[in-house]
């Protein structure tokens, strides 16, 4: 099966999945123990809703497009707030141009001592994911100096992107 998430990013199924993911991570953050998120089908991590793929299907219009424009009851709005904060964080101009995938939503909800491992089989998507997670310099080793957090004795946030080859 050849599945490219960019065609389906922001669909109603994505919204449901991502609201649930955000709620689970918020619950895990209530506990002091660190946790690890492993995304086995990470994709590119960020999708342009005005791009060719998303425009072709337009699935996002009935998903995040409707959800972001809705005025839910207060209790539902509170439950969806962490998810919507991640979406709005990718759209600082206030519009709805970019849609975060699971890895970026997870990253927005991790604490310093939590971990994210994102696996992606498509080389182009894995490269885009590393860029979207801000890992370009990290992977090349360009900046090996300790961060402010490390100097203060706090662990450095860790993200890993694992390009996955087909199993033969």
N, C-alpha and C. Protein backbone atom coordinates (compact mmCIF):
# COMPACT_ATOMS: atom_id res chain seq x y z
N UNK A 1 0.84 -1.17 0.00
CA UNK A 1 0.00 0.00 0.00
C UNK A 1 0.88 1.24 0.00
N UNK A 2 0.55 2.20 -0.82
CA UNK A 2 1.29 3.45 -0.89
C UNK A 2 0.40 4.54 -0.30
N UNK A 3 0.71 4.96 0.91
CA UNK A 3 -0.09 5.95 1.62
C UNK A 3 0.75 7.19 1.83
N UNK A 4 0.28 8.31 1.38
CA UNK A 4 0.97 9.58 1.62
C UNK A 4 0.05 10.48 2.43
N UNK A 5 0.47 10.76 3.64
CA UNK A 5 -0.39 11.46 4.59
C UNK A 5 -0.73 12.87 4.15
N UNK A 6 0.10 13.49 3.35
CA UNK A 6 -0.15 14.88 2.94
C UNK A 6 -1.51 15.03 2.26
N UNK A 7 -2.01 13.97 1.64
CA UNK A 7 -3.32 14.03 0.99
C UNK A 7 -4.46 14.04 2.00
N UNK A 8 -4.21 13.54 3.21
CA UNK A 8 -5.26 13.34 4.21
C UNK A 8 -5.05 14.15 5.48
N UNK A 9 -4.01 14.96 5.52
CA UNK A 9 -3.68 15.73 6.73
C UNK A 9 -4.84 16.65 7.11
N UNK A 10 -5.19 16.62 8.39
CA UNK A 10 -6.24 17.49 8.89
C UNK A 10 -7.64 16.97 8.66
N UNK A 11 -7.76 15.74 8.17
CA UNK A 11 -9.08 15.15 7.93
C UNK A 11 -9.81 14.93 9.26
N UNK A 12 -11.11 14.60 9.20
CA UNK A 12 -11.85 14.37 10.44
C UNK A 12 -11.21 13.26 11.26
N UNK A 13 -10.67 12.23 10.59
CA UNK A 13 -10.01 11.13 11.31
C UNK A 13 -8.74 11.63 12.00
N UNK A 14 -7.99 12.50 11.34
CA UNK A 14 -6.80 13.09 11.95
C UNK A 14 -7.17 13.91 13.19
N UNK A 15 -8.21 14.69 13.08
CA UNK A 15 -8.63 15.52 14.21
C UNK A 15 -8.97 14.64 15.40
N UNK A 16 -9.77 13.61 15.18
CA UNK A 16 -10.15 12.71 16.27
C UNK A 16 -8.91 12.05 16.88
N UNK A 17 -8.06 11.49 16.02
CA UNK A 17 -6.84 10.82 16.49
C UNK A 17 -5.95 11.78 17.29
N UNK A 18 -5.79 13.00 16.81
CA UNK A 18 -4.89 13.95 17.44
C UNK A 18 -5.46 14.54 18.74
N UNK A 19 -6.77 14.72 18.81
CA UNK A 19 -7.38 15.16 20.07
C UNK A 19 -7.14 14.10 21.13
N UNK A 20 -7.34 12.83 20.76
CA UNK A 20 -7.13 11.73 21.71
C UNK A 20 -5.65 11.63 22.11
N UNK A 21 -4.75 11.75 21.14
CA UNK A 21 -3.32 11.73 21.45
C UNK A 21 -2.97 12.83 22.44
N UNK A 22 -3.45 14.03 22.19
CA UNK A 22 -3.15 15.15 23.09
C UNK A 22 -3.69 14.89 24.50
N UNK A 23 -4.89 14.35 24.59
CA UNK A 23 -5.47 14.07 25.91
C UNK A 23 -4.65 13.01 26.65
N UNK A 24 -4.21 11.98 25.94
CA UNK A 24 -3.38 10.94 26.57
C UNK A 24 -2.08 11.54 27.10
N UNK A 25 -1.44 12.37 26.29
CA UNK A 25 -0.17 12.97 26.71
C UNK A 25 -0.36 13.94 27.87
N UNK A 26 -1.45 14.68 27.88
CA UNK A 26 -1.74 15.56 29.01
C UNK A 26 -1.91 14.72 30.28
N UNK A 27 -2.59 13.60 30.17
CA UNK A 27 -2.76 12.71 31.33
C UNK A 27 -1.41 12.17 31.80
N UNK A 28 -0.55 11.74 30.87
CA UNK A 28 0.76 11.23 31.25
C UNK A 28 1.61 12.31 31.91
N UNK A 29 1.46 13.55 31.48
CA UNK A 29 2.22 14.65 32.09
C UNK A 29 1.81 14.93 33.52
N UNK A 30 0.63 14.48 33.92
CA UNK A 30 0.19 14.67 35.30
C UNK A 30 1.01 13.85 36.28
N UNK A 31 1.68 12.83 35.77
CA UNK A 31 2.51 11.97 36.61
C UNK A 31 3.96 12.46 36.53
N UNK A 32 4.73 12.35 37.60
CA UNK A 32 6.11 12.87 37.55
C UNK A 32 7.07 12.03 36.71
N UNK A 33 6.75 10.76 36.50
CA UNK A 33 7.67 9.88 35.77
C UNK A 33 7.75 10.28 34.29
N UNK A 34 8.95 10.21 33.73
CA UNK A 34 9.07 10.50 32.30
C UNK A 34 8.39 9.41 31.46
N UNK A 35 8.02 9.78 30.27
CA UNK A 35 7.44 8.82 29.34
C UNK A 35 8.07 8.99 27.97
N UNK A 36 7.86 8.00 27.13
CA UNK A 36 8.42 7.99 25.78
C UNK A 36 7.29 7.79 24.79
N UNK A 37 7.26 8.61 23.75
CA UNK A 37 6.30 8.48 22.66
C UNK A 37 7.05 7.87 21.49
N UNK A 38 6.52 6.77 20.96
CA UNK A 38 7.11 6.13 19.78
C UNK A 38 6.07 6.18 18.68
N UNK A 39 6.38 6.94 17.65
CA UNK A 39 5.48 7.08 16.50
C UNK A 39 6.05 6.23 15.37
N UNK A 40 5.37 5.13 15.05
CA UNK A 40 5.90 4.19 14.06
C UNK A 40 5.59 4.59 12.62
N UNK A 41 4.71 5.54 12.42
CA UNK A 41 4.35 6.01 11.08
C UNK A 41 4.30 7.54 11.12
N UNK A 42 5.45 8.14 11.34
CA UNK A 42 5.52 9.57 11.69
C UNK A 42 5.19 10.51 10.55
N UNK A 43 5.49 10.16 9.32
CA UNK A 43 5.25 11.08 8.21
C UNK A 43 6.21 12.25 8.25
N UNK A 44 5.84 13.32 7.57
CA UNK A 44 6.70 14.50 7.48
C UNK A 44 6.57 15.41 8.70
N UNK A 45 5.50 15.23 9.48
CA UNK A 45 5.34 15.99 10.71
C UNK A 45 4.59 17.30 10.59
N UNK A 46 4.63 17.94 9.44
CA UNK A 46 3.95 19.21 9.23
C UNK A 46 3.48 19.24 7.78
N UNK A 47 2.25 19.68 7.59
CA UNK A 47 1.65 19.62 6.25
C UNK A 47 1.07 20.97 5.87
N UNK A 48 1.29 21.35 4.62
CA UNK A 48 0.79 22.60 4.08
C UNK A 48 -0.61 22.36 3.54
N UNK A 49 -1.62 22.92 4.19
CA UNK A 49 -3.00 22.71 3.77
C UNK A 49 -3.31 23.41 2.45
N UNK A 50 -2.45 24.33 2.03
CA UNK A 50 -2.61 24.99 0.73
C UNK A 50 -1.75 24.31 -0.33
N UNK A 51 -1.04 23.25 0.07
CA UNK A 51 -0.18 22.53 -0.87
C UNK A 51 -0.98 21.69 -1.85
N UNK A 52 -0.29 21.19 -2.86
CA UNK A 52 -0.95 20.43 -3.93
C UNK A 52 -1.69 19.20 -3.40
N UNK A 53 -1.06 18.44 -2.49
CA UNK A 53 -1.67 17.20 -2.01
C UNK A 53 -2.94 17.48 -1.22
N UNK A 54 -2.86 18.36 -0.22
CA UNK A 54 -4.03 18.66 0.61
C UNK A 54 -5.12 19.34 -0.20
N UNK A 55 -4.73 20.15 -1.17
CA UNK A 55 -5.72 20.83 -2.02
C UNK A 55 -6.45 19.84 -2.93
N UNK A 56 -5.77 18.80 -3.33
CA UNK A 56 -6.38 17.82 -4.24
C UNK A 56 -7.57 17.12 -3.58
N UNK A 57 -7.43 16.70 -2.34
CA UNK A 57 -8.52 15.99 -1.67
C UNK A 57 -9.42 16.94 -0.89
N UNK A 58 -8.85 17.99 -0.31
CA UNK A 58 -9.63 18.94 0.48
C UNK A 58 -10.21 18.35 1.76
N UNK A 59 -9.71 17.18 2.17
CA UNK A 59 -10.26 16.51 3.36
C UNK A 59 -10.14 17.38 4.62
N UNK A 60 -9.16 18.24 4.66
CA UNK A 60 -8.94 19.06 5.85
C UNK A 60 -10.10 20.03 6.08
N UNK A 61 -10.80 20.39 5.02
CA UNK A 61 -11.90 21.35 5.17
C UNK A 61 -13.02 20.80 6.07
N UNK A 62 -13.29 19.49 5.94
CA UNK A 62 -14.31 18.85 6.78
C UNK A 62 -13.73 18.35 8.09
N UNK A 63 -12.44 18.48 8.28
CA UNK A 63 -11.78 18.07 9.51
C UNK A 63 -11.40 19.28 10.33
N UNK A 64 -10.12 19.65 10.28
CA UNK A 64 -9.63 20.77 11.09
C UNK A 64 -10.28 22.08 10.67
N UNK A 65 -10.65 22.22 9.41
CA UNK A 65 -11.32 23.45 8.96
C UNK A 65 -12.61 23.69 9.72
N UNK A 66 -13.45 22.66 9.82
CA UNK A 66 -14.72 22.79 10.56
C UNK A 66 -14.48 22.85 12.06
N UNK A 67 -13.54 22.03 12.54
CA UNK A 67 -13.29 21.96 13.98
C UNK A 67 -12.76 23.28 14.51
N UNK A 68 -11.82 23.89 13.80
CA UNK A 68 -11.23 25.16 14.25
C UNK A 68 -12.24 26.30 14.21
N UNK A 69 -13.22 26.21 13.32
CA UNK A 69 -14.23 27.27 13.21
C UNK A 69 -15.40 27.07 14.17
N UNK A 70 -15.50 25.89 14.77
CA UNK A 70 -16.63 25.57 15.64
C UNK A 70 -16.52 26.27 16.99
N UNK A 71 -17.66 26.41 17.63
CA UNK A 71 -17.72 26.92 18.99
C UNK A 71 -18.33 25.83 19.86
N UNK A 72 -17.48 24.93 20.37
CA UNK A 72 -18.01 23.81 21.18
C UNK A 72 -18.37 24.27 22.59
N UNK A 73 -19.14 23.45 23.30
CA UNK A 73 -19.40 23.76 24.72
C UNK A 73 -18.07 23.86 25.48
N UNK A 74 -18.11 24.57 26.58
CA UNK A 74 -16.89 24.85 27.35
C UNK A 74 -16.12 23.59 27.73
N UNK A 75 -16.82 22.55 28.16
CA UNK A 75 -16.14 21.32 28.57
C UNK A 75 -15.40 20.68 27.40
N UNK A 76 -16.03 20.67 26.22
CA UNK A 76 -15.38 20.10 25.03
C UNK A 76 -14.21 20.98 24.59
N UNK A 77 -14.38 22.29 24.68
CA UNK A 77 -13.30 23.20 24.31
C UNK A 77 -12.09 22.99 25.21
N UNK A 78 -12.32 22.77 26.50
CA UNK A 78 -11.22 22.52 27.43
C UNK A 78 -10.49 21.23 27.07
N UNK A 79 -11.24 20.19 26.70
CA UNK A 79 -10.62 18.92 26.33
C UNK A 79 -9.78 19.05 25.06
N UNK A 80 -10.23 19.86 24.13
CA UNK A 80 -9.53 20.02 22.85
C UNK A 80 -8.43 21.09 22.89
N UNK A 81 -8.36 21.86 23.96
CA UNK A 81 -7.42 22.99 24.02
C UNK A 81 -5.96 22.61 23.77
N UNK A 82 -5.42 21.53 24.35
CA UNK A 82 -4.01 21.20 24.07
C UNK A 82 -3.75 20.89 22.59
N UNK A 83 -4.69 20.20 21.97
CA UNK A 83 -4.58 19.89 20.54
C UNK A 83 -4.63 21.18 19.72
N UNK A 84 -5.61 22.02 19.99
CA UNK A 84 -5.74 23.25 19.22
C UNK A 84 -4.55 24.18 19.45
N UNK A 85 -3.97 24.15 20.64
CA UNK A 85 -2.77 24.95 20.90
C UNK A 85 -1.63 24.51 19.99
N UNK A 86 -1.51 23.20 19.78
CA UNK A 86 -0.47 22.68 18.87
C UNK A 86 -0.74 23.13 17.44
N UNK A 87 -1.98 23.08 17.02
CA UNK A 87 -2.34 23.53 15.66
C UNK A 87 -2.06 25.01 15.51
N UNK A 88 -2.51 25.80 16.47
CA UNK A 88 -2.29 27.25 16.40
C UNK A 88 -0.80 27.59 16.49
N UNK A 89 -0.03 26.78 17.21
CA UNK A 89 1.41 27.00 17.31
C UNK A 89 2.12 26.87 15.97
N UNK A 90 1.53 26.14 15.05
CA UNK A 90 2.10 25.99 13.70
C UNK A 90 1.59 27.06 12.75
N UNK A 91 0.70 27.91 13.23
CA UNK A 91 0.09 28.96 12.42
C UNK A 91 0.13 30.28 13.18
N UNK A 92 1.32 30.84 13.40
CA UNK A 92 1.44 32.02 14.24
C UNK A 92 0.72 33.25 13.70
N UNK A 93 0.39 33.26 12.41
CA UNK A 93 -0.32 34.42 11.85
C UNK A 93 -1.81 34.37 12.14
N UNK A 94 -2.27 33.31 12.81
CA UNK A 94 -3.68 33.20 13.18
C UNK A 94 -4.53 32.47 12.16
N UNK A 95 -4.01 32.18 11.00
CA UNK A 95 -4.77 31.47 9.98
C UNK A 95 -4.70 29.97 10.19
N UNK A 96 -5.07 29.24 9.17
CA UNK A 96 -5.00 27.79 9.20
C UNK A 96 -4.36 27.32 7.90
N UNK A 97 -3.04 27.45 7.83
CA UNK A 97 -2.30 27.08 6.63
C UNK A 97 -1.56 25.76 6.82
N UNK A 98 -1.02 25.54 8.03
CA UNK A 98 -0.22 24.36 8.30
C UNK A 98 -0.90 23.47 9.33
N UNK A 99 -0.71 22.18 9.16
CA UNK A 99 -1.31 21.21 10.08
C UNK A 99 -0.21 20.31 10.65
N UNK A 100 -0.10 20.25 11.99
CA UNK A 100 0.93 19.40 12.59
C UNK A 100 0.49 17.94 12.61
N UNK A 101 1.41 17.06 12.30
CA UNK A 101 1.16 15.63 12.44
C UNK A 101 1.42 15.20 13.88
N UNK A 102 1.25 13.93 14.14
CA UNK A 102 1.41 13.39 15.50
C UNK A 102 2.76 13.75 16.14
N UNK A 103 3.89 13.67 15.40
CA UNK A 103 5.17 13.97 16.06
C UNK A 103 5.25 15.42 16.58
N UNK A 104 4.73 16.37 15.82
CA UNK A 104 4.79 17.76 16.28
C UNK A 104 3.79 18.02 17.40
N UNK A 105 2.65 17.37 17.35
CA UNK A 105 1.69 17.49 18.45
C UNK A 105 2.30 16.91 19.72
N UNK A 106 2.90 15.72 19.59
CA UNK A 106 3.54 15.09 20.76
C UNK A 106 4.66 15.99 21.29
N UNK A 107 5.49 16.48 20.40
CA UNK A 107 6.61 17.33 20.85
C UNK A 107 6.12 18.54 21.62
N UNK A 108 4.99 19.11 21.19
CA UNK A 108 4.48 20.30 21.87
C UNK A 108 4.01 20.00 23.29
N UNK A 109 3.77 18.73 23.59
CA UNK A 109 3.25 18.35 24.91
C UNK A 109 4.27 17.62 25.78
N UNK A 110 5.48 17.41 25.27
CA UNK A 110 6.50 16.73 26.07
C UNK A 110 7.14 17.68 27.07
N UNK A 111 7.51 17.13 28.19
CA UNK A 111 8.32 17.86 29.16
C UNK A 111 9.79 17.59 28.84
N UNK A 112 10.69 18.25 29.52
CA UNK A 112 12.12 18.09 29.24
C UNK A 112 12.60 16.67 29.37
N UNK A 113 12.09 15.92 30.30
CA UNK A 113 12.61 14.57 30.54
C UNK A 113 11.83 13.50 29.79
N UNK A 114 10.85 13.87 28.99
CA UNK A 114 10.13 12.91 28.15
C UNK A 114 10.86 12.75 26.82
N UNK A 115 10.55 11.70 26.10
CA UNK A 115 11.26 11.41 24.86
C UNK A 115 10.29 11.12 23.72
N UNK A 116 10.73 11.43 22.50
CA UNK A 116 9.97 11.14 21.28
C UNK A 116 10.87 10.40 20.32
N UNK A 117 10.40 9.26 19.85
CA UNK A 117 11.07 8.53 18.77
C UNK A 117 10.08 8.47 17.62
N UNK A 118 10.47 9.01 16.48
CA UNK A 118 9.60 9.05 15.31
C UNK A 118 10.23 8.23 14.20
N UNK A 119 9.50 7.25 13.71
CA UNK A 119 9.99 6.36 12.65
C UNK A 119 9.25 6.67 11.35
N UNK A 120 9.99 6.73 10.26
CA UNK A 120 9.38 7.00 8.96
C UNK A 120 10.13 6.24 7.88
N UNK A 121 9.40 5.55 7.01
CA UNK A 121 9.99 4.71 5.98
C UNK A 121 10.37 5.50 4.72
N UNK A 122 9.63 6.55 4.39
CA UNK A 122 9.89 7.33 3.17
C UNK A 122 11.03 8.31 3.44
N UNK A 123 12.11 8.20 2.69
CA UNK A 123 13.28 9.08 2.95
C UNK A 123 12.95 10.57 2.90
N UNK A 124 12.15 11.00 1.93
CA UNK A 124 11.81 12.43 1.85
C UNK A 124 11.02 12.89 3.07
N UNK A 125 10.08 12.05 3.51
CA UNK A 125 9.29 12.39 4.69
C UNK A 125 10.15 12.39 5.94
N UNK A 126 11.09 11.45 6.05
CA UNK A 126 11.98 11.39 7.22
C UNK A 126 12.86 12.64 7.28
N UNK A 127 13.35 13.09 6.13
CA UNK A 127 14.16 14.30 6.08
C UNK A 127 13.34 15.52 6.47
N UNK A 128 12.11 15.60 5.93
CA UNK A 128 11.23 16.72 6.28
C UNK A 128 10.90 16.70 7.76
N UNK A 129 10.67 15.50 8.31
CA UNK A 129 10.36 15.38 9.73
C UNK A 129 11.51 15.89 10.59
N UNK A 130 12.72 15.49 10.25
CA UNK A 130 13.89 15.97 11.00
C UNK A 130 13.98 17.49 10.94
N UNK A 131 13.70 18.06 9.77
CA UNK A 131 13.70 19.53 9.65
C UNK A 131 12.61 20.15 10.52
N UNK A 132 11.41 19.56 10.47
CA UNK A 132 10.29 20.13 11.23
C UNK A 132 10.48 19.99 12.74
N UNK A 133 11.23 18.99 13.15
CA UNK A 133 11.53 18.85 14.57
C UNK A 133 12.74 19.68 14.98
N UNK A 134 13.34 20.38 14.02
CA UNK A 134 14.49 21.23 14.31
C UNK A 134 15.74 20.44 14.59
N UNK A 135 15.91 19.33 13.87
CA UNK A 135 17.02 18.42 14.15
C UNK A 135 18.14 18.49 13.13
N UNK A 136 18.07 19.36 12.15
CA UNK A 136 19.08 19.36 11.11
C UNK A 136 20.48 19.49 11.68
N UNK A 137 20.69 20.48 12.56
CA UNK A 137 22.02 20.66 13.16
C UNK A 137 22.33 19.54 14.16
N UNK A 138 21.32 19.05 14.84
CA UNK A 138 21.52 18.00 15.83
C UNK A 138 22.07 16.74 15.17
N UNK A 139 21.48 16.37 14.03
CA UNK A 139 21.93 15.15 13.35
C UNK A 139 23.34 15.29 12.78
N UNK A 140 23.69 16.49 12.31
CA UNK A 140 25.01 16.66 11.71
C UNK A 140 26.09 16.86 12.77
N UNK A 141 25.65 17.09 14.02
CA UNK A 141 26.62 17.31 15.09
C UNK A 141 27.21 18.70 15.07
N UNK A 142 26.55 19.63 14.37
CA UNK A 142 27.10 20.97 14.23
C UNK A 142 27.15 21.72 15.55
N UNK A 143 26.22 21.44 16.46
CA UNK A 143 26.22 22.16 17.72
C UNK A 143 26.31 21.15 18.86
N UNK A 144 27.50 20.92 19.33
CA UNK A 144 27.72 19.96 20.41
C UNK A 144 27.87 20.63 21.77
N UNK A 145 27.77 21.97 21.82
CA UNK A 145 27.93 22.66 23.08
C UNK A 145 26.73 22.40 23.99
N UNK A 146 26.96 22.35 25.30
CA UNK A 146 25.85 22.07 26.21
C UNK A 146 24.82 23.20 26.18
N UNK A 147 23.56 22.82 26.26
CA UNK A 147 22.49 23.82 26.28
C UNK A 147 22.41 24.43 27.67
N UNK A 148 21.61 25.48 27.79
CA UNK A 148 21.41 26.12 29.09
C UNK A 148 20.82 25.12 30.09
N UNK A 149 19.92 24.28 29.61
CA UNK A 149 19.31 23.26 30.49
C UNK A 149 20.36 22.27 30.99
N UNK A 150 21.24 21.83 30.09
CA UNK A 150 22.28 20.88 30.50
C UNK A 150 23.23 21.51 31.51
N UNK A 151 23.59 22.77 31.30
CA UNK A 151 24.48 23.46 32.25
C UNK A 151 23.81 23.59 33.61
N UNK A 152 22.47 23.68 33.62
CA UNK A 152 21.73 23.80 34.89
C UNK A 152 21.43 22.43 35.49
N UNK A 153 21.90 21.36 34.84
CA UNK A 153 21.69 20.02 35.37
C UNK A 153 20.39 19.36 34.94
N UNK A 154 19.63 20.04 34.05
CA UNK A 154 18.40 19.44 33.54
C UNK A 154 18.71 18.68 32.27
N UNK A 155 18.04 17.56 32.02
CA UNK A 155 18.33 16.80 30.80
C UNK A 155 17.90 17.56 29.56
N UNK A 156 18.66 17.34 28.49
CA UNK A 156 18.35 17.93 27.20
C UNK A 156 17.16 17.20 26.60
N UNK A 157 16.22 17.93 25.99
CA UNK A 157 15.11 17.28 25.30
C UNK A 157 15.66 16.42 24.19
N UNK A 158 15.12 15.23 24.05
CA UNK A 158 15.64 14.32 23.03
C UNK A 158 14.54 13.92 22.06
N UNK A 159 14.85 14.05 20.77
CA UNK A 159 13.98 13.60 19.70
C UNK A 159 14.84 12.76 18.78
N UNK A 160 14.30 11.68 18.28
CA UNK A 160 15.02 10.87 17.33
C UNK A 160 14.12 10.59 16.15
N UNK A 161 14.68 10.70 14.95
CA UNK A 161 13.97 10.29 13.74
C UNK A 161 14.71 9.09 13.19
N UNK A 162 14.00 8.01 13.04
CA UNK A 162 14.61 6.78 12.53
C UNK A 162 14.07 6.48 11.15
N UNK A 163 14.88 6.68 10.10
CA UNK A 163 14.43 6.24 8.79
C UNK A 163 14.38 4.71 8.80
N UNK A 164 13.30 4.14 8.36
CA UNK A 164 13.11 2.71 8.44
C UNK A 164 13.14 2.11 7.04
N UNK A 165 13.97 1.09 6.85
CA UNK A 165 14.00 0.38 5.57
C UNK A 165 12.91 -0.68 5.56
N UNK A 166 12.50 -1.04 4.36
CA UNK A 166 11.52 -2.14 4.24
C UNK A 166 12.11 -3.40 4.82
N UNK A 167 11.30 -4.16 5.52
CA UNK A 167 11.75 -5.45 6.03
C UNK A 167 11.68 -6.45 4.88
N UNK A 168 12.71 -7.20 4.70
CA UNK A 168 12.75 -8.16 3.58
C UNK A 168 12.83 -9.57 4.11
